[in-house]
Amino acid sequence: FINRVDEVVIFEPLARDQIAGITEIQLGRLRSRLTERELKLELSPEAMDKLIAVGYDPVYGARPLKRAIQRWIENPLAQLILSGRFMPG
């Protein structure tokens, strides 16, 4: 059974609304963590479009999305929280 391939499955590229859905799921996890700190995250449609553009790769699909969220949202937000610029409420 080792190295046995029964069939090849070809995946179609994700549509923009599918990528947006995956992005919302990933952002939902971040929003849950922020809620524990009494913080709220809202993205403008333009910011969402930019995040999708940098987080989606036609070859790798939505795999880079989590890294893009971390690089462009989580890390800068963490720096702002640690600096005291964002407070609960």
Protein backbone atom coordinates (compact mmCIF):
# COMPACT_ATOMS: atom_id res chain seq x y z
CA PHE A 1 0.00 0.00 0.00
CA ILE A 2 2.96 2.32 0.29
CA ASN A 3 3.37 4.77 -2.61
CA ARG A 4 0.18 3.62 -4.24
CA VAL A 5 -1.72 6.29 -6.17
CA ASP A 6 -5.24 5.33 -7.17
CA GLU A 7 -6.23 8.51 -8.95
CA VAL A 8 -5.23 12.09 -9.56
CA VAL A 9 -7.39 14.85 -8.16
CA ILE A 10 -7.17 18.22 -9.88
CA PHE A 11 -8.21 21.23 -7.84
CA GLU A 12 -9.62 24.31 -9.53
CA PRO A 13 -8.26 27.70 -8.48
CA LEU A 14 -10.23 29.32 -5.68
CA ALA A 15 -12.75 31.99 -6.57
CA ARG A 16 -12.49 35.41 -4.94
CA ASP A 17 -15.51 34.80 -2.71
CA GLN A 18 -14.00 31.52 -1.52
CA ILE A 19 -10.74 33.27 -0.66
CA ALA A 20 -12.72 35.97 1.16
CA GLY A 21 -14.49 33.26 3.16
CA ILE A 22 -11.21 31.66 4.15
CA THR A 23 -9.87 35.09 5.09
CA GLU A 24 -12.89 35.72 7.32
CA ILE A 25 -12.36 32.37 9.06
CA GLN A 26 -8.72 33.21 9.73
CA LEU A 27 -9.60 36.72 10.90
CA GLY A 28 -12.32 35.25 13.11
CA ARG A 29 -9.65 33.42 15.08
CA LEU A 30 -7.72 36.65 15.55
CA ARG A 31 -10.89 38.51 16.50
CA SER A 32 -11.61 35.88 19.17
CA ARG A 33 -8.21 36.43 20.72
CA LEU A 34 -8.67 40.20 20.60
CA THR A 35 -12.12 39.93 22.21
CA GLU A 36 -10.44 38.37 25.25
CA ARG A 37 -8.50 41.65 25.56
CA GLU A 38 -11.66 43.68 24.98
CA LEU A 39 -10.39 44.80 21.57
CA LYS A 40 -12.22 44.70 18.25
CA LEU A 41 -10.83 44.33 14.73
CA GLU A 42 -12.62 45.72 11.69
CA LEU A 43 -11.20 45.80 8.18
CA SER A 44 -12.33 48.08 5.40
CA PRO A 45 -13.23 46.44 2.07
CA GLU A 46 -10.02 47.92 0.64
CA ALA A 47 -7.93 46.40 3.43
CA MET A 48 -9.64 43.04 2.90
CA ASP A 49 -8.89 43.22 -0.83
CA LYS A 50 -5.23 44.01 -0.11
CA LEU A 51 -4.98 41.15 2.39
CA ILE A 52 -6.49 38.73 -0.12
CA ALA A 53 -4.10 39.99 -2.81
CA VAL A 54 -0.99 39.43 -0.69
CA GLY A 55 -2.28 36.24 0.96
CA TYR A 56 -3.41 34.26 -2.07
CA ASP A 57 -1.10 32.51 -4.48
CA PRO A 58 -2.50 30.71 -7.56
CA VAL A 59 0.01 27.88 -7.07
CA TYR A 60 -0.32 27.45 -3.30
CA GLY A 61 -3.92 28.61 -2.91
CA ALA A 62 -4.78 30.18 0.43
CA ARG A 63 -1.87 28.61 2.32
CA PRO A 64 0.12 31.89 2.44
CA LEU A 65 -2.94 33.71 3.84
CA LYS A 66 -2.23 32.86 7.46
CA ARG A 67 1.31 34.19 7.10
CA ALA A 68 0.03 37.37 5.43
CA ILE A 69 -2.42 37.97 8.29
CA GLN A 70 0.38 37.50 10.78
CA ARG A 71 2.78 39.77 8.90
CA TRP A 72 0.41 42.59 7.95
CA ILE A 73 -2.10 42.57 10.83
CA GLU A 74 -1.09 40.52 13.88
CA ASN A 75 2.53 41.65 14.22
CA PRO A 76 1.89 45.40 13.76
CA LEU A 77 -1.16 45.17 16.01
CA ALA A 78 0.85 43.38 18.70
CA GLN A 79 3.44 46.15 18.58
CA LEU A 80 0.73 48.79 19.01
CA ILE A 81 -0.86 46.90 21.90
CA LEU A 82 2.49 46.47 23.64
CA SER A 83 3.32 50.15 23.16
CA GLY A 84 0.07 51.10 24.90
CA ARG A 85 -1.47 52.84 21.88
CA PHE A 86 -4.48 50.50 21.99
CA MET A 87 -6.37 50.07 25.19
CA PRO A 88 -9.36 47.85 26.02
CA GLY A 89 -12.76 49.35 25.51
